C-alpha cells in the first residue's frame, strides 16, 4: 500500500538542527527535510543536478551572485545546475530539498550531511 508523507510532521520529527531526514526518492532523486536556524552556507555549485527548495515553515533566503530570492512558507524555488548559490537562514526554517542522489555532501552542507542522511 502506498503511504502519504506529511512534510510538516516529518520536519517536526527531527531532533536537532541541520539533520537531513530522507523522506523519499524518485527517478534517482532524493527528498530530504531539514530544520535550520542562524546559518549561512558557503557559496557552492551543483554541476550535475538542479536543486529544489520548498519552504515548509518559516522563511529564508537563497543568495546568488546577482542577489537574493526570499522564500516563505509554501514557496518553492528551483536552482538550475551550475548556478552558484547559498542558503541564508536567520530564523528557524523547515524545508524540503530535492536533488539527484549523491549531490549532497559535507562540503556543500556546512558539514551537516553525512552518510546519506537519516531515515
C-alpha atoms as a PDB file:
ATOM      1  CA  UNK A   1       0.000   0.000   0.000  1.00  0.00           C
ATOM      2  CA  UNK A   2       1.285   3.462  -0.851  1.00  0.00           C
ATOM      3  CA  UNK A   3       1.756   5.845   2.057  1.00  0.00           C
ATOM      4  CA  UNK A   4       1.405   9.597   2.016  1.00  0.00           C
ATOM      5  CA  UNK A   5       4.009  11.826   3.639  1.00  0.00           C
ATOM      6  CA  UNK A   6       3.149  14.882   5.710  1.00  0.00           C
ATOM      7  CA  UNK A   7       6.047  17.313   5.264  1.00  0.00           C
ATOM      8  CA  UNK A   8       5.349  19.275   8.457  1.00  0.00           C
ATOM      9  CA  UNK A   9       5.154  16.107  10.559  1.00  0.00           C
ATOM     10  CA  UNK A  10       8.401  14.813   9.083  1.00  0.00           C
ATOM     11  CA  UNK A  11      10.199  18.131   9.645  1.00  0.00           C
ATOM     12  CA  UNK A  12       8.811  18.364  13.196  1.00  0.00           C
ATOM     13  CA  UNK A  13      10.099  14.863  13.960  1.00  0.00           C
ATOM     14  CA  UNK A  14      13.714  15.992  13.617  1.00  0.00           C
ATOM     15  CA  UNK A  15      15.526  16.048  16.954  1.00  0.00           C
ATOM     16  CA  UNK A  16      18.160  18.635  16.077  1.00  0.00           C
ATOM     17  CA  UNK A  17      19.003  21.402  13.659  1.00  0.00           C
ATOM     18  CA  UNK A  18      20.834  20.614  10.412  1.00  0.00           C
ATOM     19  CA  UNK A  19      19.760  16.973  10.447  1.00  0.00           C
ATOM     20  CA  UNK A  20      18.804  15.759   6.959  1.00  0.00           C
ATOM     21  CA  UNK A  21      15.981  13.231   7.002  1.00  0.00           C
ATOM     22  CA  UNK A  22      15.372  11.339   3.782  1.00  0.00           C
ATOM     23  CA  UNK A  23      11.622  11.020   3.289  1.00  0.00           C
ATOM     24  CA  UNK A  24      11.585   9.510  -0.183  1.00  0.00           C
ATOM     25  CA  UNK A  25      13.201   9.107  -3.566  1.00  0.00           C
ATOM     26  CA  UNK A  26      12.109   9.031  -7.192  1.00  0.00           C
ATOM     27  CA  UNK A  27      13.925   8.771 -10.521  1.00  0.00           C
ATOM     28  CA  UNK A  28      17.327   8.847  -8.763  1.00  0.00           C
ATOM     29  CA  UNK A  29      16.352  11.976  -6.834  1.00  0.00           C
ATOM     30  CA  UNK A  30      16.212  12.164  -3.065  1.00  0.00           C
ATOM     31  CA  UNK A  31      13.863  14.174  -0.909  1.00  0.00           C
ATOM     32  CA  UNK A  32      15.139  15.399   2.467  1.00  0.00           C
ATOM     33  CA  UNK A  33      13.505  17.531   5.138  1.00  0.00           C
ATOM     34  CA  UNK A  34      15.666  19.774   7.249  1.00  0.00           C
ATOM     35  CA  UNK A  35      15.397  22.282  10.083  1.00  0.00           C
ATOM     36  CA  UNK A  36      17.923  25.120  10.057  1.00  0.00           C
ATOM     37  CA  UNK A  37      18.488  28.316  12.007  1.00  0.00           C
ATOM     38  CA  UNK A  38      21.153  31.038  12.149  1.00  0.00           C
ATOM     39  CA  UNK A  39      23.246  29.558   9.362  1.00  0.00           C
ATOM     40  CA  UNK A  40      24.695  30.813   6.107  1.00  0.00           C
ATOM     41  CA  UNK A  41      26.369  28.202   3.945  1.00  0.00           C
ATOM     42  CA  UNK A  42      29.320  28.898   1.660  1.00  0.00           C
ATOM     43  CA  UNK A  43      28.580  29.595  -1.976  1.00  0.00           C
ATOM     44  CA  UNK A  44      28.614  26.347  -3.929  1.00  0.00           C
ATOM     45  CA  UNK A  45      27.571  24.850  -7.267  1.00  0.00           C
ATOM     46  CA  UNK A  46      25.939  21.541  -8.134  1.00  0.00           C
ATOM     47  CA  UNK A  47      27.354  20.687 -11.557  1.00  0.00           C
ATOM     48  CA  UNK A  48      25.167  17.636 -12.227  1.00  0.00           C
ATOM     49  CA  UNK A  49      21.804  18.390 -10.625  1.00  0.00           C
ATOM     50  CA  UNK A  50      19.163  21.059 -10.279  1.00  0.00           C
ATOM     51  CA  UNK A  51      18.122  21.624  -6.662  1.00  0.00           C
ATOM     52  CA  UNK A  52      14.612  22.272  -5.370  1.00  0.00           C
ATOM     53  CA  UNK A  53      13.980  24.219  -2.163  1.00  0.00           C
ATOM     54  CA  UNK A  54      10.448  24.136  -0.720  1.00  0.00           C
ATOM     55  CA  UNK A  55       9.753  26.199   2.393  1.00  0.00           C
ATOM     56  CA  UNK A  56       7.520  24.168   4.720  1.00  0.00           C
ATOM     57  CA  UNK A  57       7.548  26.654   7.597  1.00  0.00           C
ATOM     58  CA  UNK A  58       9.390  29.891   8.393  1.00  0.00           C
ATOM     59  CA  UNK A  59      11.368  31.881   5.874  1.00  0.00           C
ATOM     60  CA  UNK A  60      14.873  32.056   4.426  1.00  0.00           C
ATOM     61  CA  UNK A  61      16.852  33.400   1.506  1.00  0.00           C
ATOM     62  CA  UNK A  62      18.771  31.786  -1.300  1.00  0.00           C
ATOM     63  CA  UNK A  63      21.628  34.079  -2.255  1.00  0.00           C
ATOM     64  CA  UNK A  64      23.034  34.224  -5.768  1.00  0.00           C
ATOM     65  CA  UNK A  65      25.848  36.315  -7.220  1.00  0.00           C
ATOM     66  CA  UNK A  66      23.214  38.722  -8.564  1.00  0.00           C
ATOM     67  CA  UNK A  67      21.048  38.962  -5.433  1.00  0.00           C
ATOM     68  CA  UNK A  68      18.649  37.185  -3.063  1.00  0.00           C
ATOM     69  CA  UNK A  69      15.429  35.230  -3.510  1.00  0.00           C
ATOM     70  CA  UNK A  70      13.299  35.258  -0.363  1.00  0.00           C
ATOM     71  CA  UNK A  71      11.260  32.121   0.394  1.00  0.00           C
ATOM     72  CA  UNK A  72       8.328  31.983   2.829  1.00  0.00           C
ATOM     73  CA  UNK A  73       6.002  29.152   3.828  1.00  0.00           C
ATOM     74  CA  UNK A  74       4.635  27.450   0.708  1.00  0.00           C
ATOM     75  CA  UNK A  75       7.264  28.905  -1.667  1.00  0.00           C
ATOM     76  CA  UNK A  76       9.307  26.693  -3.976  1.00  0.00           C
ATOM     77  CA  UNK A  77      12.470  27.581  -5.876  1.00  0.00           C
ATOM     78  CA  UNK A  78      14.360  25.531  -8.468  1.00  0.00           C
ATOM     79  CA  UNK A  79      18.065  26.329  -8.653  1.00  0.00           C
ATOM     80  CA  UNK A  80      19.402  25.165 -12.045  1.00  0.00           C
ATOM     81  CA  UNK A  81      22.538  23.030 -12.064  1.00  0.00           C
ATOM     82  CA  UNK A  82      25.702  25.064 -12.453  1.00  0.00           C
ATOM     83  CA  UNK A  83      24.246  28.049 -10.550  1.00  0.00           C
ATOM     84  CA  UNK A  84      26.366  29.391  -7.683  1.00  0.00           C
ATOM     85  CA  UNK A  85      24.159  29.793  -4.616  1.00  0.00           C
ATOM     86  CA  UNK A  86      23.931  29.559  -0.843  1.00  0.00           C
ATOM     87  CA  UNK A  87      21.059  29.298   1.643  1.00  0.00           C
ATOM     88  CA  UNK A  88      20.848  32.011   4.300  1.00  0.00           C
ATOM     89  CA  UNK A  89      18.725  31.095   7.348  1.00  0.00           C
ATOM     90  CA  UNK A  90      18.397  33.740  10.064  1.00  0.00           C
ATOM     91  CA  UNK A  91      15.439  32.280  11.960  1.00  0.00           C
ATOM     92  CA  UNK A  92      14.079  28.745  12.290  1.00  0.00           C
ATOM     93  CA  UNK A  93      13.068  27.294   8.940  1.00  0.00           C
ATOM     94  CA  UNK A  94      11.774  23.881   7.947  1.00  0.00           C
ATOM     95  CA  UNK A  95      12.298  22.962   4.331  1.00  0.00           C
ATOM     96  CA  UNK A  96      12.242  20.184   1.773  1.00  0.00           C
ATOM     97  CA  UNK A  97      15.238  19.669  -0.518  1.00  0.00           C
ATOM     98  CA  UNK A  98      15.029  17.635  -3.715  1.00  0.00           C
ATOM     99  CA  UNK A  99      18.098  16.777  -5.760  1.00  0.00           C
ATOM    100  CA  UNK A 100      19.876  13.990  -7.584  1.00  0.00           C
ATOM    101  CA  UNK A 101      21.180  11.185  -5.345  1.00  0.00           C
ATOM    102  CA  UNK A 102      24.814  11.869  -4.465  1.00  0.00           C
ATOM    103  CA  UNK A 103      24.545  15.656  -4.784  1.00  0.00           C
ATOM    104  CA  UNK A 104      24.559  16.472  -1.074  1.00  0.00           C
ATOM    105  CA  UNK A 105      27.831  16.113   0.770  1.00  0.00           C
ATOM    106  CA  UNK A 106      29.544  17.506   3.865  1.00  0.00           C
ATOM    107  CA  UNK A 107      31.249  20.240   1.820  1.00  0.00           C
ATOM    108  CA  UNK A 108      28.080  21.820   0.394  1.00  0.00           C
ATOM    109  CA  UNK A 109      26.047  21.493   3.613  1.00  0.00           C
ATOM    110  CA  UNK A 110      28.450  23.084   6.073  1.00  0.00           C
ATOM    111  CA  UNK A 111      29.469  19.634   7.304  1.00  0.00           C
ATOM    112  CA  UNK A 112      25.901  18.674   8.268  1.00  0.00           C
ATOM    113  CA  UNK A 113      25.179  15.969   5.677  1.00  0.00           C
ATOM    114  CA  UNK A 114      26.861  12.675   6.477  1.00  0.00           C
ATOM    115  CA  UNK A 115      26.334   9.123   5.273  1.00  0.00           C
ATOM    116  CA  UNK A 116      23.196   9.731   3.231  1.00  0.00           C
ATOM    117  CA  UNK A 117      21.099  11.438   5.905  1.00  0.00           C
ATOM    118  CA  UNK A 118      18.786   9.677   8.331  1.00  0.00           C
ATOM    119  CA  UNK A 119      15.679   7.649   7.538  1.00  0.00           C
END
